[in-house]
Amino acid sequence: MTIYLAICDNNIADRKQLERLLSREKDRRLRENYDVLYIDSFGSEEALMATPVKYDIFFVDVTEGASNGIEIAKKLRQRGISAPIVLCQSTINYSSYVNAPEDIIYIEKPINAGQVSHLTDVAFEWSKRKAPLIEIRCQKDTRFIRHDELVKATPLDKFLTRISLSDGECVDMTESLASLEVQCMSFGCFVRCGRDLINVYHIEGTSGRGFRLSNGDIVTYSFTQKNAIIKAMADSIGTCREH
């Protein structure tokens, strides 16, 4: 199993110490259980906020600048991030804040190996319960999105796919449409429609032998795709009723 851990600490010495503890935990788990830990370390809020959705736990202590650790935790929750957040207390007593967001773990610095091991277990348990994300590898960075954010994917060439997102943004994935389709299969709501891969949850109406999507795009399907599209739509309706 694989999890992603984020450290955000403006104190370089404390950040490096936590990196060392997590690296030892990473080596131990890989050796004993074949579990994989990816550790990303940041010195500022701006760097952390680039792709927070991919992380399974956050270790935060920022005491300088416009935002402190509690403010960063609030911003993560406001962005819909529900992964565990660990506020590591040094010069600021985060637990004293009366307007702190929910589900925050408070620990005192210095952090020891036992605490790191326990919190890594917390991250693994969270990862087992969370909804899987779709990985979009672009030329300069990698995005992680929820399946309901993906409206349509269109092949531009053999190894370039344009991804249309629900907020109106388009990003170009430097991989084939087929590789994206493999990631999307488990969700049950994606189907080929002509050359495109579409999310049936974003179908808003019909247009001839095609559909109008939530972003305004019109897609058409071939006769051989019709039955697969009908099945995906019927399955998605059944899933909605179950939930």
Protein backbone atom coordinates (compact mmCIF):
# COMPACT_ATOMS: atom_id res chain seq x y z
CA MET A 1 0.00 0.00 0.00
CA THR A 2 1.16 3.55 -0.74
CA ILE A 3 0.53 6.75 1.18
CA TYR A 4 1.61 10.38 0.77
CA LEU A 5 2.79 12.48 3.73
CA ALA A 6 3.34 16.24 3.80
CA ILE A 7 5.50 18.26 6.17
CA CYS A 8 5.04 22.04 6.33
CA ASP A 9 7.36 23.70 8.84
CA ASN A 10 9.24 27.00 8.57
CA ASN A 11 11.79 25.85 11.18
CA ILE A 12 14.49 24.17 9.09
CA ALA A 13 15.98 22.14 11.95
CA ASP A 14 12.60 20.80 13.06
CA ARG A 15 11.63 20.04 9.47
CA LYS A 16 14.82 18.09 8.82
CA GLN A 17 14.40 16.13 12.05
CA LEU A 18 10.87 15.08 11.11
CA GLU A 19 12.10 14.15 7.63
CA ARG A 20 14.70 11.86 9.21
CA LEU A 21 12.14 10.20 11.49
CA LEU A 22 9.73 9.64 8.62
CA SER A 23 12.53 8.31 6.39
CA ARG A 24 13.41 5.71 9.03
CA GLU A 25 9.73 4.78 9.31
CA LYS A 26 9.58 4.54 5.51
CA ASP A 27 12.55 2.15 5.40
CA ARG A 28 11.14 -0.01 8.21
CA ARG A 29 7.71 -0.39 6.63
CA LEU A 30 9.11 -1.11 3.21
CA ARG A 31 11.32 -3.80 4.69
CA GLU A 32 8.64 -5.38 6.90
CA ASN A 33 5.36 -4.90 5.02
CA TYR A 34 6.33 -3.64 1.55
CA ASP A 35 4.35 -0.47 2.28
CA VAL A 36 5.53 2.65 0.45
CA LEU A 37 5.71 6.14 1.95
CA TYR A 38 6.19 9.24 -0.19
CA ILE A 39 7.35 12.21 1.90
CA ASP A 40 7.16 15.79 0.63
CA SER A 41 8.60 18.59 2.75
CA PHE A 42 7.71 22.29 2.45
CA GLY A 43 8.90 25.43 4.16
CA SER A 44 5.88 27.59 3.34
CA GLU A 45 2.13 27.54 2.94
CA GLU A 46 2.32 28.47 -0.75
CA ALA A 47 4.35 25.38 -1.64
CA LEU A 48 2.09 23.07 0.38
CA MET A 49 -1.11 24.35 -1.25
CA ALA A 50 -0.04 23.43 -4.79
CA THR A 51 -1.49 19.87 -4.65
CA PRO A 52 -2.78 19.19 -1.11
CA VAL A 53 -5.47 16.76 -2.26
CA LYS A 54 -2.97 13.95 -2.78
CA TYR A 55 -1.77 13.74 0.83
CA ASP A 56 -2.96 11.26 3.45
CA ILE A 57 -1.65 13.24 6.44
CA PHE A 58 -0.19 16.70 7.10
CA PHE A 59 2.42 17.64 9.73
CA VAL A 60 2.18 21.42 10.13
CA ASP A 61 3.94 24.04 12.25
CA VAL A 62 4.26 27.51 10.71
CA THR A 63 4.96 30.34 13.14
CA GLU A 64 6.09 33.09 10.77
CA GLY A 65 4.38 35.05 8.02
CA ALA A 66 0.73 35.90 7.38
CA SER A 67 -0.61 32.43 8.27
CA ASN A 68 0.27 30.21 11.19
CA GLY A 69 -0.42 26.49 11.48
CA ILE A 70 -4.04 26.88 12.59
CA GLU A 71 -4.81 29.17 9.66
CA ILE A 72 -3.26 26.68 7.23
CA ALA A 73 -5.39 23.91 8.76
CA LYS A 74 -8.50 26.04 8.23
CA LYS A 75 -7.59 26.67 4.60
CA LEU A 76 -7.06 22.95 3.99
CA ARG A 77 -10.48 22.15 5.44
CA GLN A 78 -12.08 24.98 3.43
CA ARG A 79 -10.65 23.42 0.28
CA GLY A 80 -12.37 20.15 1.13
CA ILE A 81 -9.26 18.37 2.43
CA SER A 82 -10.42 15.88 5.06
CA ALA A 83 -7.16 13.98 5.59
CA PRO A 84 -5.68 14.02 9.13
CA ILE A 85 -3.87 17.25 10.04
CA VAL A 86 -1.24 17.12 12.79
CA LEU A 87 -0.41 20.50 14.34
CA CYS A 88 3.04 20.24 15.87
CA GLN A 89 3.19 22.70 18.74
CA SER A 90 6.35 24.70 19.40
CA THR A 91 6.08 28.45 20.06
CA ILE A 92 2.32 28.48 19.36
CA ASN A 93 -0.17 26.50 21.43
CA TYR A 94 -2.56 25.58 18.62
CA SER A 95 -4.86 23.64 20.95
CA SER A 96 -5.78 26.89 22.73
CA TYR A 97 -7.60 28.28 19.68
CA VAL A 98 -11.37 28.22 20.21
CA ASN A 99 -12.20 28.41 16.47
CA ALA A 100 -9.96 25.55 15.33
CA PRO A 101 -11.28 23.27 12.55
CA GLU A 102 -12.50 19.78 13.39
CA ASP A 103 -10.47 16.58 13.45
CA ILE A 104 -7.10 18.12 14.28
CA ILE A 105 -4.37 16.15 16.07
CA TYR A 106 -2.16 18.16 18.44
CA ILE A 107 1.30 17.01 19.51
CA GLU A 108 4.16 18.76 21.27
CA LYS A 109 7.59 19.12 19.75
CA PRO A 110 10.02 17.45 19.70
CA ILE A 111 8.26 14.56 17.98
CA ASN A 112 9.60 11.09 18.72
CA ALA A 113 9.77 7.89 16.68
CA GLY A 114 6.84 6.29 18.50
CA GLN A 115 4.56 9.20 17.65
CA VAL A 116 5.68 9.10 14.01
CA SER A 117 4.90 5.39 13.81
CA HIS A 118 1.43 5.88 15.34
CA LEU A 119 0.59 8.81 13.06
CA THR A 120 1.73 6.86 10.02
CA ASP A 121 -0.77 4.17 11.06
CA VAL A 122 -3.44 6.91 11.20
CA ALA A 123 -2.52 7.93 7.64
CA PHE A 124 -2.76 4.34 6.41
CA GLU A 125 -6.20 3.91 7.98
CA TRP A 126 -7.36 7.16 6.38
CA SER A 127 -6.01 6.05 2.99
CA LYS A 128 -8.04 2.84 3.16
CA ARG A 129 -11.28 4.82 3.58
CA LYS A 130 -10.74 7.76 1.24
CA ALA A 131 -12.15 7.97 -2.26
CA PRO A 132 -9.48 7.17 -4.86
CA LEU A 133 -8.07 10.01 -6.96
CA ILE A 134 -7.22 10.20 -10.64
CA GLU A 135 -3.59 11.08 -11.37
CA ILE A 136 -3.09 13.54 -14.23
CA ARG A 137 0.56 13.85 -15.26
CA CYS A 138 1.20 17.12 -17.10
CA GLN A 139 4.37 18.51 -18.63
CA LYS A 140 5.35 20.59 -15.58
CA ASP A 141 3.47 19.00 -12.71
CA THR A 142 1.11 16.22 -11.63
CA ARG A 143 -2.49 16.85 -10.66
CA PHE A 144 -4.71 14.66 -8.49
CA ILE A 145 -8.44 15.07 -9.06
CA ARG A 146 -11.65 13.50 -7.81
CA HIS A 147 -13.54 11.47 -10.42
CA ASP A 148 -16.52 13.84 -10.30
CA GLU A 149 -14.27 16.72 -11.38
CA LEU A 150 -13.48 15.10 -14.73
CA VAL A 151 -16.07 16.01 -17.38
CA LYS A 152 -14.41 14.87 -20.60
CA ALA A 153 -11.07 13.69 -21.94
CA THR A 154 -10.10 14.13 -25.59
CA PRO A 155 -7.03 12.61 -27.31
CA LEU A 156 -4.90 15.26 -29.02
CA ASP A 157 -2.32 12.74 -30.24
CA LYS A 158 -0.91 9.38 -29.17
CA PHE A 159 0.60 10.67 -25.90
CA LEU A 160 -1.33 13.87 -25.21
CA THR A 161 -4.87 14.06 -23.80
CA ARG A 162 -6.89 17.18 -23.02
CA ILE A 163 -8.77 16.98 -19.72
CA SER A 164 -11.88 19.15 -19.25
CA LEU A 165 -12.67 19.79 -15.57
CA SER A 166 -15.92 20.77 -13.88
CA ASP A 167 -14.60 24.21 -12.87
CA GLY A 168 -14.04 25.10 -16.55
CA GLU A 169 -10.29 24.50 -16.55
CA CYS A 170 -8.59 22.39 -19.24
CA VAL A 171 -5.26 20.65 -18.67
CA ASP A 172 -3.15 18.57 -21.03
CA MET A 173 -2.11 15.15 -19.75
CA THR A 174 1.12 13.82 -21.26
CA GLU A 175 -0.22 10.28 -21.53
CA SER A 176 -2.61 8.42 -23.80
CA LEU A 177 -6.38 8.39 -23.40
CA ALA A 178 -6.15 4.61 -22.95
CA SER A 179 -3.95 5.02 -19.84
CA LEU A 180 -6.48 7.45 -18.35
CA GLU A 181 -9.31 5.05 -19.14
CA VAL A 182 -7.58 2.32 -17.11
CA GLN A 183 -7.57 4.64 -14.06
CA CYS A 184 -11.24 5.50 -14.57
CA MET A 185 -12.61 1.98 -15.04
CA SER A 186 -13.24 1.35 -11.34
CA PHE A 187 -15.59 4.34 -10.99
CA GLY A 188 -18.13 2.89 -13.40
CA CYS A 189 -19.30 6.27 -14.72
CA PHE A 190 -16.84 6.81 -17.58
CA VAL A 191 -17.54 5.63 -21.12
CA ARG A 192 -16.24 6.24 -24.62
CA CYS A 193 -18.38 8.59 -26.68
CA GLY A 194 -16.91 8.96 -30.13
CA ARG A 195 -13.20 9.70 -29.61
CA ASP A 196 -13.84 11.15 -26.14
CA LEU A 197 -14.01 9.63 -22.68
CA ILE A 198 -16.92 11.22 -20.82
CA ASN A 199 -18.31 11.16 -17.30
CA VAL A 200 -21.99 10.25 -17.52
CA TYR A 201 -22.70 12.25 -14.35
CA HIS A 202 -21.97 15.38 -16.42
CA ILE A 203 -24.54 14.62 -19.14
CA GLU A 204 -27.20 17.34 -19.03
CA GLY A 205 -29.21 16.59 -22.17
CA THR A 206 -29.34 15.01 -25.59
CA SER A 207 -28.36 16.52 -28.92
CA GLY A 208 -29.09 14.40 -31.98
CA ARG A 209 -26.98 11.26 -31.68
CA GLY A 210 -25.03 12.72 -28.81
CA PHE A 211 -25.10 14.59 -25.51
CA ARG A 212 -24.69 18.04 -24.07
CA LEU A 213 -22.27 18.02 -21.14
CA SER A 214 -22.25 20.26 -18.07
CA ASN A 215 -19.46 22.40 -19.56
CA GLY A 216 -21.51 23.07 -22.70
CA ASP A 217 -19.59 20.67 -24.97
CA ILE A 218 -21.49 18.48 -27.41
CA VAL A 219 -20.24 14.92 -27.93
CA THR A 220 -21.54 12.31 -30.35
CA TYR A 221 -21.39 8.54 -30.11
CA SER A 222 -21.09 5.78 -32.68
CA PHE A 223 -23.74 3.09 -33.05
CA THR A 224 -21.43 0.46 -31.56
CA GLN A 225 -20.98 2.56 -28.39
CA LYS A 226 -24.69 3.03 -27.73
CA ASN A 227 -25.28 -0.01 -25.50
CA ALA A 228 -22.21 0.67 -23.35
CA ILE A 229 -23.34 4.26 -22.80
CA ILE A 230 -26.87 3.20 -21.84
CA LYS A 231 -25.48 0.66 -19.36
CA ALA A 232 -23.13 3.21 -17.77
CA MET A 233 -26.00 5.70 -17.41
CA ALA A 234 -28.29 3.07 -15.89
CA ASP A 235 -25.58 1.95 -13.46
CA SER A 236 -24.91 5.56 -12.41
CA ILE A 237 -28.62 6.11 -11.70
CA GLY A 238 -28.63 2.95 -9.56
CA THR A 239 -25.60 4.14 -7.64
CA CYS A 240 -27.26 7.50 -6.92
CA ARG A 241 -30.34 5.75 -5.53
CA GLU A 242 -28.21 3.54 -3.29
CA HIS A 243 -26.55 6.63 -1.79
